[in-house]
Amino acid sequence: MQSKTDTEKLVELSRSLHLILQKKLATQLEIQRATGVDQPTISRARSGKLKRLTAKVEVLQNYANMKLSPPTASKKISDLATRFYEAGGTDAELEASIEHAIKLLTRQLKERGE
């Protein structure tokens, strides 16, 4: 299978962002908040005006892929969630635990420059 060219990836991103906004899966501001990518870059990506792939563009593409095809939890994650609930945990506590883990991971990635 041949890999996509940068131009094809940028066209796909534009289409994906249009679809996300059309289906009201997220607003442009929500995309900015979730990805950290600035509004002008999101707007240029959506309108097909970007000329090259950058780290920001890859973040947008990953976000778009996730919004249009949400990940499903693996059996192990599902089993861990079940054990959490069996131990008396609540939805709010599980959500808070996951949010905390995301913050820790994000901080570690920033410290490593990723």
N, C-alpha and C. Protein backbone atom coordinates (compact mmCIF):
# COMPACT_ATOMS: atom_id res chain seq x y z
N MET A 1 0.84 -1.18 0.00
CA MET A 1 0.00 0.00 0.00
C MET A 1 0.89 1.24 0.00
N GLN A 2 0.59 2.16 -0.89
CA GLN A 2 1.39 3.37 -1.02
C GLN A 2 0.94 4.40 0.01
N SER A 3 1.91 5.07 0.63
CA SER A 3 1.56 6.07 1.63
C SER A 3 1.07 7.34 0.94
N LYS A 4 0.29 8.11 1.65
CA LYS A 4 -0.28 9.34 1.11
C LYS A 4 0.78 10.43 1.03
N THR A 5 0.63 11.29 0.05
CA THR A 5 1.52 12.44 -0.06
C THR A 5 1.09 13.49 0.96
N ASP A 6 1.96 14.45 1.20
CA ASP A 6 1.62 15.53 2.12
C ASP A 6 0.37 16.27 1.64
N THR A 7 0.28 16.49 0.35
CA THR A 7 -0.88 17.19 -0.21
C THR A 7 -2.16 16.40 0.06
N GLU A 8 -2.11 15.09 -0.13
CA GLU A 8 -3.28 14.26 0.13
C GLU A 8 -3.67 14.30 1.61
N LYS A 9 -2.67 14.31 2.48
CA LYS A 9 -2.94 14.37 3.92
C LYS A 9 -3.59 15.71 4.29
N LEU A 10 -3.13 16.80 3.67
CA LEU A 10 -3.70 18.11 3.96
C LEU A 10 -5.14 18.22 3.44
N VAL A 11 -5.41 17.62 2.28
CA VAL A 11 -6.77 17.61 1.75
C VAL A 11 -7.68 16.79 2.68
N GLU A 12 -7.17 15.65 3.14
CA GLU A 12 -7.94 14.81 4.06
C GLU A 12 -8.24 15.56 5.36
N LEU A 13 -7.25 16.29 5.87
CA LEU A 13 -7.45 17.06 7.10
C LEU A 13 -8.53 18.11 6.89
N SER A 14 -8.49 18.81 5.78
CA SER A 14 -9.50 19.82 5.48
C SER A 14 -10.89 19.21 5.49
N ARG A 15 -11.03 18.08 4.81
CA ARG A 15 -12.33 17.39 4.77
C ARG A 15 -12.77 16.94 6.15
N SER A 16 -11.82 16.43 6.92
CA SER A 16 -12.14 15.95 8.28
C SER A 16 -12.62 17.09 9.16
N LEU A 17 -11.92 18.22 9.10
CA LEU A 17 -12.32 19.37 9.93
C LEU A 17 -13.69 19.88 9.51
N HIS A 18 -13.96 19.93 8.21
CA HIS A 18 -15.29 20.33 7.75
C HIS A 18 -16.36 19.40 8.31
N LEU A 19 -16.09 18.11 8.28
CA LEU A 19 -17.05 17.12 8.76
C LEU A 19 -17.29 17.25 10.26
N ILE A 20 -16.23 17.47 11.00
CA ILE A 20 -16.35 17.65 12.46
C ILE A 20 -17.23 18.84 12.78
N LEU A 21 -17.00 19.94 12.08
CA LEU A 21 -17.79 21.16 12.31
C LEU A 21 -19.23 20.97 11.82
N GLN A 22 -19.40 20.33 10.67
CA GLN A 22 -20.73 20.10 10.11
C GLN A 22 -21.57 19.21 11.03
N LYS A 23 -20.95 18.16 11.56
CA LYS A 23 -21.67 17.24 12.46
C LYS A 23 -21.77 17.77 13.88
N LYS A 24 -21.17 18.94 14.10
CA LYS A 24 -21.17 19.58 15.43
C LYS A 24 -20.53 18.69 16.49
N LEU A 25 -19.47 17.97 16.07
CA LEU A 25 -18.72 17.15 17.02
C LEU A 25 -17.81 18.03 17.88
N ALA A 26 -17.47 19.21 17.35
CA ALA A 26 -16.66 20.19 18.09
C ALA A 26 -16.73 21.51 17.34
N THR A 27 -16.54 22.59 18.08
CA THR A 27 -16.41 23.90 17.45
C THR A 27 -14.93 24.16 17.20
N GLN A 28 -14.64 25.18 16.43
CA GLN A 28 -13.24 25.50 16.17
C GLN A 28 -12.54 25.88 17.48
N LEU A 29 -13.24 26.56 18.37
CA LEU A 29 -12.66 26.91 19.67
C LEU A 29 -12.38 25.66 20.50
N GLU A 30 -13.28 24.70 20.47
CA GLU A 30 -13.06 23.44 21.19
C GLU A 30 -11.87 22.68 20.61
N ILE A 31 -11.72 22.74 19.29
CA ILE A 31 -10.56 22.09 18.67
C ILE A 31 -9.28 22.76 19.16
N GLN A 32 -9.29 24.09 19.22
CA GLN A 32 -8.12 24.82 19.71
C GLN A 32 -7.79 24.42 21.15
N ARG A 33 -8.79 24.40 21.98
CA ARG A 33 -8.57 24.06 23.39
C ARG A 33 -8.04 22.63 23.55
N ALA A 34 -8.56 21.72 22.76
CA ALA A 34 -8.17 20.31 22.88
C ALA A 34 -6.78 20.04 22.32
N THR A 35 -6.39 20.78 21.29
CA THR A 35 -5.13 20.49 20.61
C THR A 35 -4.01 21.46 20.92
N GLY A 36 -4.37 22.67 21.36
CA GLY A 36 -3.36 23.70 21.57
C GLY A 36 -2.92 24.36 20.27
N VAL A 37 -3.58 24.03 19.16
CA VAL A 37 -3.27 24.62 17.86
C VAL A 37 -4.07 25.91 17.73
N ASP A 38 -3.40 26.99 17.29
CA ASP A 38 -4.04 28.30 17.23
C ASP A 38 -5.13 28.35 16.15
N GLN A 39 -6.07 29.28 16.35
CA GLN A 39 -7.21 29.44 15.45
C GLN A 39 -6.82 29.68 13.99
N PRO A 40 -5.83 30.55 13.71
CA PRO A 40 -5.47 30.75 12.30
C PRO A 40 -5.01 29.47 11.61
N THR A 41 -4.26 28.63 12.30
CA THR A 41 -3.81 27.37 11.70
C THR A 41 -4.99 26.44 11.47
N ILE A 42 -5.90 26.37 12.43
CA ILE A 42 -7.09 25.53 12.26
C ILE A 42 -7.91 26.03 11.07
N SER A 43 -8.08 27.32 10.97
CA SER A 43 -8.85 27.91 9.88
C SER A 43 -8.20 27.63 8.53
N ARG A 44 -6.87 27.79 8.45
CA ARG A 44 -6.17 27.51 7.19
C ARG A 44 -6.25 26.03 6.84
N ALA A 45 -6.17 25.17 7.84
CA ALA A 45 -6.28 23.73 7.59
C ALA A 45 -7.67 23.39 7.07
N ARG A 46 -8.67 23.97 7.69
CA ARG A 46 -10.06 23.71 7.29
C ARG A 46 -10.32 24.21 5.87
N SER A 47 -9.77 25.35 5.53
CA SER A 47 -10.02 25.92 4.20
C SER A 47 -9.09 25.37 3.13
N GLY A 48 -8.17 24.48 3.51
CA GLY A 48 -7.27 23.88 2.54
C GLY A 48 -6.12 24.77 2.11
N LYS A 49 -5.79 25.74 2.93
CA LYS A 49 -4.75 26.70 2.57
C LYS A 49 -3.37 26.36 3.13
N LEU A 50 -3.26 25.28 3.88
CA LEU A 50 -1.95 24.89 4.39
C LEU A 50 -1.12 24.28 3.26
N LYS A 51 0.17 24.53 3.30
CA LYS A 51 1.07 24.06 2.24
C LYS A 51 1.98 22.92 2.67
N ARG A 52 2.17 22.74 3.98
CA ARG A 52 3.09 21.70 4.43
C ARG A 52 2.63 21.10 5.75
N LEU A 53 3.10 19.89 5.99
CA LEU A 53 2.80 19.21 7.26
C LEU A 53 3.78 19.71 8.31
N THR A 54 3.25 20.01 9.47
CA THR A 54 4.07 20.41 10.61
C THR A 54 3.60 19.60 11.81
N ALA A 55 4.28 19.77 12.93
CA ALA A 55 3.85 19.08 14.15
C ALA A 55 2.43 19.50 14.52
N LYS A 56 2.11 20.79 14.36
CA LYS A 56 0.76 21.28 14.67
C LYS A 56 -0.28 20.58 13.79
N VAL A 57 0.04 20.44 12.53
CA VAL A 57 -0.88 19.81 11.59
C VAL A 57 -1.09 18.34 11.95
N GLU A 58 -0.04 17.68 12.37
CA GLU A 58 -0.18 16.28 12.79
C GLU A 58 -1.07 16.16 14.02
N VAL A 59 -0.94 17.12 14.94
CA VAL A 59 -1.81 17.13 16.12
C VAL A 59 -3.27 17.27 15.68
N LEU A 60 -3.51 18.19 14.74
CA LEU A 60 -4.88 18.37 14.23
C LEU A 60 -5.39 17.09 13.56
N GLN A 61 -4.55 16.44 12.78
CA GLN A 61 -4.97 15.23 12.10
C GLN A 61 -5.30 14.12 13.10
N ASN A 62 -4.46 13.97 14.11
CA ASN A 62 -4.73 12.97 15.15
C ASN A 62 -6.05 13.27 15.86
N TYR A 63 -6.28 14.54 16.17
CA TYR A 63 -7.52 14.95 16.82
C TYR A 63 -8.72 14.63 15.91
N ALA A 64 -8.60 15.00 14.64
CA ALA A 64 -9.70 14.76 13.70
C ALA A 64 -10.00 13.27 13.58
N ASN A 65 -8.94 12.48 13.48
CA ASN A 65 -9.14 11.02 13.39
C ASN A 65 -9.87 10.50 14.62
N MET A 66 -9.48 11.00 15.79
CA MET A 66 -10.11 10.56 17.03
C MET A 66 -11.58 10.98 17.09
N LYS A 67 -11.88 12.21 16.65
CA LYS A 67 -13.26 12.68 16.70
C LYS A 67 -14.16 11.91 15.73
N LEU A 68 -13.61 11.57 14.57
CA LEU A 68 -14.42 10.90 13.56
C LEU A 68 -14.47 9.38 13.75
N SER A 69 -13.49 8.83 14.42
CA SER A 69 -13.45 7.40 14.72
C SER A 69 -12.96 7.22 16.15
N PRO A 70 -13.84 7.51 17.12
CA PRO A 70 -13.41 7.44 18.52
C PRO A 70 -12.81 6.08 18.86
N PRO A 71 -11.76 6.11 19.66
CA PRO A 71 -11.13 4.84 20.03
C PRO A 71 -12.05 4.02 20.93
N THR A 72 -11.92 2.72 20.82
CA THR A 72 -12.65 1.84 21.71
C THR A 72 -11.66 1.32 22.75
N ALA A 73 -12.16 1.09 23.91
CA ALA A 73 -11.30 0.62 24.99
C ALA A 73 -10.93 -0.85 24.76
N SER A 74 -9.69 -1.15 25.04
CA SER A 74 -9.24 -2.54 24.94
C SER A 74 -9.89 -3.37 26.04
N LYS A 75 -9.78 -4.66 25.94
CA LYS A 75 -10.33 -5.54 26.97
C LYS A 75 -9.68 -5.25 28.31
N LYS A 76 -8.37 -5.01 28.31
CA LYS A 76 -7.67 -4.75 29.55
C LYS A 76 -8.20 -3.46 30.22
N ILE A 77 -8.41 -2.42 29.43
CA ILE A 77 -8.95 -1.17 29.99
C ILE A 77 -10.36 -1.39 30.52
N SER A 78 -11.15 -2.12 29.76
CA SER A 78 -12.51 -2.43 30.19
C SER A 78 -12.50 -3.22 31.51
N ASP A 79 -11.59 -4.20 31.60
CA ASP A 79 -11.47 -5.00 32.83
C ASP A 79 -11.04 -4.13 34.01
N LEU A 80 -10.09 -3.22 33.77
CA LEU A 80 -9.64 -2.33 34.85
C LEU A 80 -10.77 -1.41 35.32
N ALA A 81 -11.56 -0.90 34.37
CA ALA A 81 -12.70 -0.06 34.74
C ALA A 81 -13.71 -0.86 35.56
N THR A 82 -13.94 -2.09 35.16
CA THR A 82 -14.86 -2.95 35.92
C THR A 82 -14.36 -3.16 37.34
N ARG A 83 -13.07 -3.44 37.47
CA ARG A 83 -12.49 -3.62 38.81
C ARG A 83 -12.61 -2.34 39.63
N PHE A 84 -12.42 -1.20 38.99
CA PHE A 84 -12.55 0.09 39.66
C PHE A 84 -13.95 0.25 40.23
N TYR A 85 -14.98 -0.05 39.39
CA TYR A 85 -16.36 0.05 39.85
C TYR A 85 -16.67 -0.97 40.93
N GLU A 86 -16.13 -2.17 40.79
CA GLU A 86 -16.35 -3.21 41.80
C GLU A 86 -15.77 -2.81 43.15
N ALA A 87 -14.70 -2.01 43.13
CA ALA A 87 -14.08 -1.55 44.36
C ALA A 87 -14.83 -0.37 44.97
N GLY A 88 -15.91 0.04 44.31
CA GLY A 88 -16.73 1.12 44.87
C GLY A 88 -16.48 2.47 44.23
N GLY A 89 -15.67 2.51 43.16
CA GLY A 89 -15.40 3.78 42.49
C GLY A 89 -16.61 4.28 41.72
N THR A 90 -16.68 5.58 41.56
CA THR A 90 -17.78 6.19 40.82
C THR A 90 -17.29 6.70 39.46
N ASP A 91 -18.24 7.06 38.60
CA ASP A 91 -17.88 7.64 37.30
C ASP A 91 -17.01 8.88 37.50
N ALA A 92 -17.42 9.74 38.42
CA ALA A 92 -16.68 10.98 38.65
C ALA A 92 -15.24 10.69 39.10
N GLU A 93 -15.08 9.70 39.95
CA GLU A 93 -13.73 9.35 40.42
C GLU A 93 -12.88 8.76 39.30
N LEU A 94 -13.48 7.92 38.46
CA LEU A 94 -12.75 7.35 37.34
C LEU A 94 -12.35 8.45 36.35
N GLU A 95 -13.28 9.34 36.06
CA GLU A 95 -12.97 10.46 35.17
C GLU A 95 -11.85 11.32 35.74
N ALA A 96 -11.92 11.61 37.02
CA ALA A 96 -10.88 12.42 37.66
C ALA A 96 -9.52 11.71 37.61
N SER A 97 -9.52 10.41 37.79
CA SER A 97 -8.27 9.64 37.72
C SER A 97 -7.67 9.70 36.32
N ILE A 98 -8.50 9.56 35.32
CA ILE A 98 -8.01 9.61 33.95
C ILE A 98 -7.50 11.01 33.62
N GLU A 99 -8.24 12.04 34.02
CA GLU A 99 -7.80 13.42 33.79
C GLU A 99 -6.46 13.68 34.46
N HIS A 100 -6.29 13.17 35.66
CA HIS A 100 -5.02 13.34 36.39
C HIS A 100 -3.88 12.65 35.62
N ALA A 101 -4.13 11.45 35.14
CA ALA A 101 -3.11 10.74 34.38
C ALA A 101 -2.74 11.49 33.10
N ILE A 102 -3.72 12.08 32.44
CA ILE A 102 -3.46 12.86 31.23
C ILE A 102 -2.60 14.07 31.55
N LYS A 103 -2.90 14.75 32.64
CA LYS A 103 -2.09 15.92 33.04
C LYS A 103 -0.65 15.52 33.33
N LEU A 104 -0.48 14.41 34.02
CA LEU A 104 0.88 13.94 34.31
C LEU A 104 1.63 13.60 33.03
N LEU A 105 0.98 12.90 32.12
CA LEU A 105 1.61 12.52 30.86
C LEU A 105 1.94 13.76 30.03
N THR A 106 1.01 14.69 29.96
CA THR A 106 1.24 15.92 29.20
C THR A 106 2.42 16.69 29.76
N ARG A 107 2.51 16.78 31.08
CA ARG A 107 3.63 17.49 31.71
C ARG A 107 4.95 16.79 31.40
N GLN A 108 4.97 15.46 31.46
CA GLN A 108 6.18 14.72 31.15
C GLN A 108 6.62 14.93 29.70
N LEU A 109 5.66 14.93 28.79
CA LEU A 109 5.99 15.14 27.38
C LEU A 109 6.55 16.54 27.15
N LYS A 110 5.98 17.53 27.82
CA LYS A 110 6.47 18.91 27.67
C LYS A 110 7.88 19.03 28.22
N GLU A 111 8.13 18.38 29.35
CA GLU A 111 9.47 18.43 29.94
C GLU A 111 10.51 17.79 29.04
N ARG A 112 10.10 16.77 28.28
CA ARG A 112 11.03 16.09 27.36
C ARG A 112 11.08 16.79 26.01
N GLY A 113 10.24 17.82 25.82
CA GLY A 113 10.22 18.55 24.57
C GLY A 113 9.47 17.87 23.46
N GLU A 114 8.55 16.99 23.79
CA GLU A 114 7.78 16.27 22.76
C GLU A 114 6.46 16.94 22.52
